Amino acid sequence: MNKIEVFFREEKNDSESNSVKNDILADLGIKLNALKIVQCYYIEPELTEQELEKIASNLFCDLIVQEYKINSDAEIKADWLAEIKLLPGTTDNTGNASMIGVKDLLKRNFPENESIKTSKKYFFSGGTENEINKVCREMLANEIIESFEIKKSGE
């Protein structure tokens, strides 16, 4: 399985990350030094490096404000990392739309059992493990359809 991670360039305004950081302070009273969100695509079909580059640069990423990593992790300095994924059996609408885009872009079909799964990684600077757990449980993850894992960043 291949992975593409997409995130905003350091010098560009990441309105989603800024908005979530402000909401965490307003709703939960938890002050973070920084928050960065990374969109992850886990790609089941076997693709060449050239195809992965084409998908990342033409479909998943706005190269003016974003950058991407293929089969490696975004290098973001933070204290904590939380990844939120859909539970097995839950429809991944973003993944399904991504698969349609990949088929159109590469002009080929894939077996029905191959798909693209998505997740979001949240990189937190500041906060304790208990606070990050509270943020995930109360704001970021819907535990009926999603799971989350918190790690010390860099582990």
N, C-alpha and C. Protein backbone atom coordinates (compact mmCIF):
# COMPACT_ATOMS: atom_id res chain seq x y z
N MET A 1 0.85 -1.18 0.00
CA MET A 1 0.00 0.00 0.00
C MET A 1 0.89 1.24 0.00
N ASN A 2 0.53 2.20 -0.82
CA ASN A 2 1.25 3.47 -0.88
C ASN A 2 0.52 4.53 -0.06
N LYS A 3 1.27 5.57 0.31
CA LYS A 3 0.69 6.65 1.10
C LYS A 3 1.15 7.99 0.53
N ILE A 4 0.21 8.92 0.44
CA ILE A 4 0.54 10.30 0.08
C ILE A 4 0.02 11.19 1.21
N GLU A 5 0.89 12.06 1.72
CA GLU A 5 0.51 13.03 2.74
C GLU A 5 0.59 14.42 2.14
N VAL A 6 -0.46 15.21 2.34
CA VAL A 6 -0.55 16.57 1.78
C VAL A 6 -0.71 17.56 2.94
N PHE A 7 0.06 18.64 2.88
CA PHE A 7 0.01 19.63 3.96
C PHE A 7 0.43 20.99 3.42
N PHE A 8 0.03 22.04 4.15
CA PHE A 8 0.34 23.41 3.72
C PHE A 8 1.81 23.71 3.94
N ARG A 9 2.36 24.47 3.01
CA ARG A 9 3.74 24.94 3.15
C ARG A 9 3.82 25.82 4.40
N GLU A 10 4.97 25.81 5.03
CA GLU A 10 5.15 26.53 6.29
C GLU A 10 4.82 28.02 6.16
N GLU A 11 5.19 28.63 5.04
CA GLU A 11 5.01 30.07 4.87
C GLU A 11 3.60 30.45 4.39
N LYS A 12 2.75 29.48 4.13
CA LYS A 12 1.40 29.75 3.63
C LYS A 12 0.37 29.67 4.75
N ASN A 13 -0.71 30.40 4.59
CA ASN A 13 -1.79 30.41 5.58
C ASN A 13 -2.60 29.13 5.48
N ASP A 14 -2.65 28.39 6.56
CA ASP A 14 -3.42 27.15 6.64
C ASP A 14 -4.68 27.46 7.44
N SER A 15 -5.72 27.88 6.75
CA SER A 15 -6.93 28.35 7.43
C SER A 15 -7.62 27.24 8.22
N GLU A 16 -7.59 26.00 7.73
CA GLU A 16 -8.23 24.91 8.46
C GLU A 16 -7.53 24.69 9.81
N SER A 17 -6.21 24.59 9.79
CA SER A 17 -5.46 24.38 11.04
C SER A 17 -5.67 25.54 12.00
N ASN A 18 -5.63 26.76 11.49
CA ASN A 18 -5.83 27.94 12.35
C ASN A 18 -7.23 27.95 12.95
N SER A 19 -8.23 27.61 12.16
CA SER A 19 -9.61 27.59 12.63
C SER A 19 -9.80 26.53 13.72
N VAL A 20 -9.27 25.34 13.50
CA VAL A 20 -9.40 24.28 14.50
C VAL A 20 -8.69 24.67 15.79
N LYS A 21 -7.50 25.23 15.68
CA LYS A 21 -6.74 25.68 16.86
C LYS A 21 -7.56 26.71 17.66
N ASN A 22 -8.17 27.66 16.96
CA ASN A 22 -8.99 28.68 17.63
C ASN A 22 -10.24 28.07 18.26
N ASP A 23 -10.85 27.09 17.58
CA ASP A 23 -12.03 26.41 18.13
C ASP A 23 -11.68 25.63 19.40
N ILE A 24 -10.51 25.01 19.42
CA ILE A 24 -10.06 24.25 20.60
C ILE A 24 -9.95 25.19 21.80
N LEU A 25 -9.40 26.37 21.58
CA LEU A 25 -9.29 27.34 22.67
C LEU A 25 -10.68 27.83 23.09
N ALA A 26 -11.51 28.19 22.12
CA ALA A 26 -12.83 28.74 22.44
C ALA A 26 -13.76 27.71 23.09
N ASP A 27 -13.75 26.49 22.59
CA ASP A 27 -14.70 25.48 23.06
C ASP A 27 -14.21 24.69 24.27
N LEU A 28 -12.91 24.43 24.34
CA LEU A 28 -12.38 23.58 25.40
C LEU A 28 -11.45 24.32 26.36
N GLY A 29 -11.08 25.55 26.01
CA GLY A 29 -10.17 26.31 26.86
C GLY A 29 -8.74 25.78 26.86
N ILE A 30 -8.38 25.03 25.83
CA ILE A 30 -7.04 24.46 25.73
C ILE A 30 -6.22 25.31 24.76
N LYS A 31 -5.15 25.90 25.28
CA LYS A 31 -4.30 26.76 24.45
C LYS A 31 -3.16 25.94 23.88
N LEU A 32 -3.06 25.94 22.56
CA LEU A 32 -1.98 25.26 21.87
C LEU A 32 -1.03 26.29 21.29
N ASN A 33 0.25 25.95 21.21
CA ASN A 33 1.21 26.84 20.57
C ASN A 33 1.04 26.81 19.06
N ALA A 34 0.75 25.63 18.52
CA ALA A 34 0.56 25.48 17.08
C ALA A 34 -0.21 24.20 16.80
N LEU A 35 -0.86 24.16 15.64
CA LEU A 35 -1.56 22.98 15.17
C LEU A 35 -1.38 22.91 13.67
N LYS A 36 -1.06 21.74 13.18
CA LYS A 36 -0.90 21.54 11.74
C LYS A 36 -1.66 20.28 11.36
N ILE A 37 -2.47 20.35 10.29
CA ILE A 37 -3.26 19.22 9.83
C ILE A 37 -2.68 18.70 8.52
N VAL A 38 -2.57 17.37 8.43
CA VAL A 38 -2.07 16.70 7.24
C VAL A 38 -3.15 15.75 6.74
N GLN A 39 -3.48 15.85 5.45
CA GLN A 39 -4.43 14.94 4.81
C GLN A 39 -3.65 13.74 4.28
N CYS A 40 -4.08 12.53 4.65
CA CYS A 40 -3.39 11.31 4.24
C CYS A 40 -4.27 10.48 3.32
N TYR A 41 -3.64 9.92 2.30
CA TYR A 41 -4.30 9.03 1.35
C TYR A 41 -3.54 7.71 1.36
N TYR A 42 -4.22 6.62 1.71
CA TYR A 42 -3.64 5.28 1.68
C TYR A 42 -4.19 4.59 0.43
N ILE A 43 -3.30 4.29 -0.50
CA ILE A 43 -3.69 3.87 -1.85
C ILE A 43 -3.39 2.39 -2.03
N GLU A 44 -4.46 1.58 -2.19
CA GLU A 44 -4.30 0.14 -2.34
C GLU A 44 -3.81 -0.28 -3.73
N PRO A 45 -4.31 0.30 -4.82
CA PRO A 45 -3.84 -0.18 -6.12
C PRO A 45 -2.33 -0.02 -6.27
N GLU A 46 -1.72 -1.00 -6.92
CA GLU A 46 -0.28 -0.92 -7.20
C GLU A 46 -0.06 0.16 -8.25
N LEU A 47 0.73 1.15 -7.92
CA LEU A 47 1.02 2.25 -8.84
C LEU A 47 2.53 2.46 -8.91
N THR A 48 2.98 2.97 -10.04
CA THR A 48 4.40 3.28 -10.19
C THR A 48 4.72 4.58 -9.45
N GLU A 49 5.99 4.83 -9.24
CA GLU A 49 6.42 6.08 -8.61
C GLU A 49 5.96 7.27 -9.45
N GLN A 50 6.04 7.12 -10.77
CA GLN A 50 5.62 8.18 -11.68
C GLN A 50 4.11 8.45 -11.55
N GLU A 51 3.32 7.39 -11.44
CA GLU A 51 1.87 7.56 -11.27
C GLU A 51 1.55 8.23 -9.93
N LEU A 52 2.26 7.83 -8.88
CA LEU A 52 2.04 8.45 -7.57
C LEU A 52 2.38 9.94 -7.60
N GLU A 53 3.48 10.29 -8.25
CA GLU A 53 3.85 11.70 -8.40
C GLU A 53 2.77 12.47 -9.16
N LYS A 54 2.25 11.87 -10.22
CA LYS A 54 1.21 12.52 -11.03
C LYS A 54 -0.05 12.75 -10.19
N ILE A 55 -0.45 11.74 -9.43
CA ILE A 55 -1.64 11.86 -8.58
C ILE A 55 -1.44 12.94 -7.52
N ALA A 56 -0.30 12.88 -6.84
CA ALA A 56 -0.03 13.84 -5.76
C ALA A 56 -0.02 15.27 -6.29
N SER A 57 0.68 15.49 -7.39
CA SER A 57 0.87 16.87 -7.87
C SER A 57 -0.30 17.41 -8.69
N ASN A 58 -1.10 16.53 -9.29
CA ASN A 58 -2.19 16.98 -10.15
C ASN A 58 -3.58 16.83 -9.54
N LEU A 59 -3.71 15.98 -8.53
CA LEU A 59 -5.04 15.69 -8.00
C LEU A 59 -5.18 16.06 -6.51
N PHE A 60 -4.23 15.65 -5.70
CA PHE A 60 -4.37 15.81 -4.25
C PHE A 60 -3.81 17.12 -3.70
N CYS A 61 -2.91 17.75 -4.42
CA CYS A 61 -2.14 18.86 -3.85
C CYS A 61 -2.27 20.13 -4.70
N ASP A 62 -2.47 21.27 -4.04
CA ASP A 62 -2.39 22.58 -4.69
C ASP A 62 -0.96 23.06 -4.49
N LEU A 63 -0.14 22.88 -5.52
CA LEU A 63 1.30 23.12 -5.39
C LEU A 63 1.68 24.56 -5.06
N ILE A 64 0.76 25.48 -5.22
CA ILE A 64 1.05 26.88 -4.88
C ILE A 64 1.16 27.05 -3.36
N VAL A 65 0.30 26.37 -2.62
CA VAL A 65 0.27 26.55 -1.17
C VAL A 65 0.57 25.28 -0.38
N GLN A 66 0.60 24.14 -1.06
CA GLN A 66 0.79 22.87 -0.36
C GLN A 66 2.00 22.12 -0.90
N GLU A 67 2.41 21.13 -0.13
CA GLU A 67 3.43 20.19 -0.58
C GLU A 67 2.99 18.80 -0.16
N TYR A 68 3.73 17.79 -0.62
CA TYR A 68 3.33 16.41 -0.34
C TYR A 68 4.55 15.53 -0.12
N LYS A 69 4.29 14.40 0.51
CA LYS A 69 5.29 13.36 0.70
C LYS A 69 4.67 12.06 0.20
N ILE A 70 5.46 11.28 -0.50
CA ILE A 70 5.01 9.97 -0.97
C ILE A 70 5.76 8.90 -0.19
N ASN A 71 5.02 8.02 0.45
CA ASN A 71 5.56 6.90 1.22
C ASN A 71 6.58 7.32 2.27
N SER A 72 6.42 8.52 2.78
CA SER A 72 7.20 8.98 3.93
C SER A 72 6.33 9.97 4.69
N ASP A 73 6.70 10.22 5.92
CA ASP A 73 5.88 11.08 6.77
C ASP A 73 6.25 12.55 6.61
N ALA A 74 5.25 13.40 6.70
CA ALA A 74 5.49 14.84 6.72
C ALA A 74 6.39 15.15 7.91
N GLU A 75 7.37 16.00 7.69
CA GLU A 75 8.31 16.36 8.76
C GLU A 75 7.84 17.65 9.42
N ILE A 76 7.03 17.47 10.45
CA ILE A 76 6.43 18.61 11.14
C ILE A 76 6.83 18.54 12.61
N LYS A 77 7.40 19.63 13.09
CA LYS A 77 7.82 19.68 14.50
C LYS A 77 6.58 19.88 15.37
N ALA A 78 6.42 18.99 16.33
CA ALA A 78 5.27 19.06 17.22
C ALA A 78 5.55 18.19 18.45
N ASP A 79 4.71 18.36 19.46
CA ASP A 79 4.82 17.54 20.66
C ASP A 79 4.00 16.26 20.55
N TRP A 80 2.83 16.37 19.92
CA TRP A 80 1.89 15.25 19.84
C TRP A 80 1.39 15.08 18.42
N LEU A 81 1.08 13.83 18.09
CA LEU A 81 0.47 13.49 16.80
C LEU A 81 -0.76 12.65 17.07
N ALA A 82 -1.88 13.05 16.50
CA ALA A 82 -3.10 12.25 16.57
C ALA A 82 -3.55 11.97 15.14
N GLU A 83 -3.77 10.69 14.83
CA GLU A 83 -4.30 10.33 13.51
C GLU A 83 -5.72 9.83 13.70
N ILE A 84 -6.63 10.40 12.91
CA ILE A 84 -8.04 10.05 12.98
C ILE A 84 -8.41 9.35 11.68
N LYS A 85 -8.93 8.11 11.82
CA LYS A 85 -9.29 7.28 10.67
C LYS A 85 -10.73 6.81 10.82
N LEU A 86 -11.35 6.54 9.69
CA LEU A 86 -12.68 5.94 9.71
C LEU A 86 -12.56 4.48 10.15
N LEU A 87 -13.56 4.01 10.88
CA LEU A 87 -13.59 2.61 11.28
C LEU A 87 -13.83 1.73 10.06
N PRO A 88 -13.33 0.49 10.08
CA PRO A 88 -13.59 -0.43 8.97
C PRO A 88 -15.09 -0.56 8.72
N GLY A 89 -15.47 -0.58 7.45
CA GLY A 89 -16.87 -0.70 7.08
C GLY A 89 -17.59 0.63 6.94
N THR A 90 -16.95 1.72 7.35
CA THR A 90 -17.53 3.05 7.21
C THR A 90 -17.20 3.59 5.83
N THR A 91 -18.18 4.16 5.16
CA THR A 91 -17.96 4.72 3.82
C THR A 91 -17.00 5.90 3.90
N ASP A 92 -15.97 5.84 3.08
CA ASP A 92 -14.97 6.91 3.01
C ASP A 92 -15.26 7.73 1.74
N ASN A 93 -16.11 8.74 1.87
CA ASN A 93 -16.50 9.53 0.71
C ASN A 93 -15.32 10.24 0.06
N THR A 94 -14.41 10.76 0.86
CA THR A 94 -13.21 11.41 0.31
C THR A 94 -12.37 10.39 -0.44
N GLY A 95 -12.21 9.21 0.13
CA GLY A 95 -11.46 8.15 -0.53
C GLY A 95 -12.12 7.70 -1.82
N ASN A 96 -13.45 7.56 -1.80
CA ASN A 96 -14.17 7.16 -3.01
C ASN A 96 -14.03 8.20 -4.11
N ALA A 97 -14.18 9.47 -3.76
CA ALA A 97 -14.02 10.54 -4.75
C ALA A 97 -12.58 10.58 -5.27
N SER A 98 -11.62 10.32 -4.39
CA SER A 98 -10.22 10.29 -4.80
C SER A 98 -9.97 9.16 -5.79
N MET A 99 -10.58 8.01 -5.55
CA MET A 99 -10.41 6.86 -6.45
C MET A 99 -10.96 7.18 -7.84
N ILE A 100 -12.11 7.85 -7.89
CA ILE A 100 -12.68 8.26 -9.18
C ILE A 100 -11.71 9.20 -9.89
N GLY A 101 -11.16 10.15 -9.15
CA GLY A 101 -10.19 11.08 -9.73
C GLY A 101 -8.95 10.39 -10.25
N VAL A 102 -8.46 9.40 -9.50
CA VAL A 102 -7.27 8.64 -9.92
C VAL A 102 -7.56 7.88 -11.21
N LYS A 103 -8.71 7.22 -11.27
CA LYS A 103 -9.08 6.49 -12.49
C LYS A 103 -9.15 7.43 -13.68
N ASP A 104 -9.75 8.59 -13.50
CA ASP A 104 -9.85 9.57 -14.59
C ASP A 104 -8.48 10.10 -15.00
N LEU A 105 -7.66 10.43 -14.02
CA LEU A 105 -6.35 11.01 -14.29
C LEU A 105 -5.43 10.02 -14.99
N LEU A 106 -5.42 8.77 -14.52
CA LEU A 106 -4.53 7.76 -15.09
C LEU A 106 -5.15 7.03 -16.27
N LYS A 107 -6.44 7.27 -16.49
CA LYS A 107 -7.18 6.64 -17.59
C LYS A 107 -7.06 5.11 -17.55
N ARG A 108 -7.34 4.57 -16.36
CA ARG A 108 -7.35 3.12 -16.21
C ARG A 108 -8.28 2.72 -15.07
N ASN A 109 -8.68 1.47 -15.10
CA ASN A 109 -9.55 0.93 -14.06
C ASN A 109 -8.74 0.07 -13.10
N PHE A 110 -9.32 -0.16 -11.94
CA PHE A 110 -8.69 -0.98 -10.92
C PHE A 110 -9.71 -2.01 -10.44
N PRO A 111 -9.24 -3.11 -9.84
CA PRO A 111 -10.19 -4.10 -9.30
C PRO A 111 -11.12 -3.45 -8.28
N GLU A 112 -12.34 -3.97 -8.22
CA GLU A 112 -13.36 -3.42 -7.31
C GLU A 112 -12.94 -3.44 -5.85
N ASN A 113 -12.11 -4.41 -5.47
CA ASN A 113 -11.74 -4.54 -4.06
C ASN A 113 -10.59 -3.61 -3.66
N GLU A 114 -10.05 -2.85 -4.61
CA GLU A 114 -8.98 -1.90 -4.30
C GLU A 114 -9.56 -0.50 -4.15
N SER A 115 -9.08 0.21 -3.16
CA SER A 115 -9.66 1.52 -2.87
C SER A 115 -8.60 2.47 -2.34
N ILE A 116 -9.04 3.67 -2.05
CA ILE A 116 -8.22 4.66 -1.37
C ILE A 116 -8.90 4.97 -0.05
N LYS A 117 -8.15 4.88 1.03
CA LYS A 117 -8.64 5.23 2.36
C LYS A 117 -7.97 6.53 2.78
N THR A 118 -8.69 7.33 3.53
CA THR A 118 -8.13 8.61 3.95
C THR A 118 -8.12 8.73 5.47
N SER A 119 -7.28 9.61 5.95
CA SER A 119 -7.25 9.95 7.37
C SER A 119 -6.71 11.37 7.48
N LYS A 120 -6.77 11.89 8.68
CA LYS A 120 -6.15 13.18 8.96
C LYS A 120 -5.21 13.01 10.15
N LYS A 121 -4.04 13.62 10.01
CA LYS A 121 -3.09 13.68 11.11
C LYS A 121 -3.09 15.10 11.65
N TYR A 122 -3.14 15.20 12.97
CA TYR A 122 -3.10 16.49 13.65
C TYR A 122 -1.80 16.55 14.46
N PHE A 123 -0.98 17.53 14.16
CA PHE A 123 0.28 17.73 14.87
C PHE A 123 0.09 18.89 15.85
N PHE A 124 0.19 18.58 17.14
CA PHE A 124 -0.05 19.56 18.20
C PHE A 124 1.26 20.00 18.83
N SER A 125 1.48 21.29 18.93
CA SER A 125 2.57 21.84 19.73
C SER A 125 1.93 22.46 20.96
N GLY A 126 2.34 21.97 22.12
CA GLY A 126 1.73 22.40 23.36
C GLY A 126 0.65 21.42 23.78
N GLY A 127 0.21 21.56 25.00
CA GLY A 127 -0.83 20.68 25.52
C GLY A 127 -0.25 19.42 26.13
N THR A 128 -1.02 18.83 27.04
CA THR A 128 -0.63 17.57 27.67
C THR A 128 -1.30 16.42 26.93
N GLU A 129 -0.88 15.20 27.23
CA GLU A 129 -1.52 14.04 26.60
C GLU A 129 -3.01 14.00 26.94
N ASN A 130 -3.36 14.32 28.18
CA ASN A 130 -4.77 14.33 28.58
C ASN A 130 -5.56 15.39 27.80
N GLU A 131 -4.95 16.56 27.60
CA GLU A 131 -5.64 17.61 26.83
C GLU A 131 -5.82 17.20 25.37
N ILE A 132 -4.81 16.58 24.78
CA ILE A 132 -4.92 16.16 23.38
C ILE A 132 -5.97 15.06 23.25
N ASN A 133 -6.02 14.17 24.23
CA ASN A 133 -7.05 13.13 24.25
C ASN A 133 -8.44 13.76 24.31
N LYS A 134 -8.60 14.78 25.14
CA LYS A 134 -9.88 15.48 25.27
C LYS A 134 -10.26 16.15 23.94
N VAL A 135 -9.30 16.78 23.29
CA VAL A 135 -9.54 17.43 21.99
C VAL A 135 -10.03 16.39 20.98
N CYS A 136 -9.36 15.25 20.93
CA CYS A 136 -9.76 14.21 19.97
C CYS A 136 -11.15 13.68 20.27
N ARG A 137 -11.41 13.38 21.53
CA ARG A 137 -12.71 12.81 21.91
C ARG A 137 -13.87 13.80 21.76
N GLU A 138 -13.63 15.05 22.11
CA GLU A 138 -14.74 16.01 22.16
C GLU A 138 -14.88 16.87 20.92
N MET A 139 -13.84 16.95 20.09
CA MET A 139 -13.92 17.86 18.93
C MET A 139 -13.60 17.21 17.59
N LEU A 140 -12.57 16.39 17.54
CA LEU A 140 -12.06 15.97 16.24
C LEU A 140 -12.62 14.65 15.74
N ALA A 141 -12.79 13.68 16.62
CA ALA A 141 -13.23 12.35 16.20
C ALA A 141 -14.67 12.09 16.60
N ASN A 142 -15.40 11.48 15.70
CA ASN A 142 -16.73 10.97 16.01
C ASN A 142 -16.54 9.47 16.24
N GLU A 143 -16.48 9.07 17.49
CA GLU A 143 -16.11 7.69 17.82
C GLU A 143 -17.13 6.65 17.40
N ILE A 144 -18.27 7.07 16.90
CA ILE A 144 -19.23 6.12 16.34
C ILE A 144 -18.69 5.59 15.01
N ILE A 145 -17.99 6.44 14.25
CA ILE A 145 -17.50 6.04 12.93
C ILE A 145 -15.99 6.19 12.75
N GLU A 146 -15.31 6.75 13.76
CA GLU A 146 -13.87 7.00 13.63
C GLU A 146 -13.11 6.50 14.85
N SER A 147 -11.84 6.22 14.61
CA SER A 147 -10.92 5.90 15.71
C SER A 147 -9.79 6.91 15.68
N PHE A 148 -9.10 7.03 16.80
CA PHE A 148 -7.93 7.91 16.81
C PHE A 148 -6.84 7.28 17.65
N GLU A 149 -5.62 7.66 17.30
CA GLU A 149 -4.44 7.20 18.03
C GLU A 149 -3.58 8.42 18.30
N ILE A 150 -3.15 8.55 19.55
CA ILE A 150 -2.29 9.67 19.95
C ILE A 150 -0.90 9.11 20.25
N LYS A 151 0.10 9.78 19.71
CA LYS A 151 1.49 9.39 19.96
C LYS A 151 2.30 10.64 20.27
N LYS A 152 3.33 10.45 21.04
CA LYS A 152 4.32 11.51 21.20
C LYS A 152 4.94 11.68 19.82
N SER A 153 4.99 12.89 19.32
CA SER A 153 5.50 13.12 17.97
C SER A 153 6.93 12.60 17.85
N GLY A 154 7.20 11.91 16.75
CA GLY A 154 8.51 11.33 16.52
C GLY A 154 8.61 9.88 16.92
N GLU A 155 7.59 9.33 17.57
CA GLU A 155 7.60 7.91 17.96
C GLU A 155 7.16 7.03 16.82
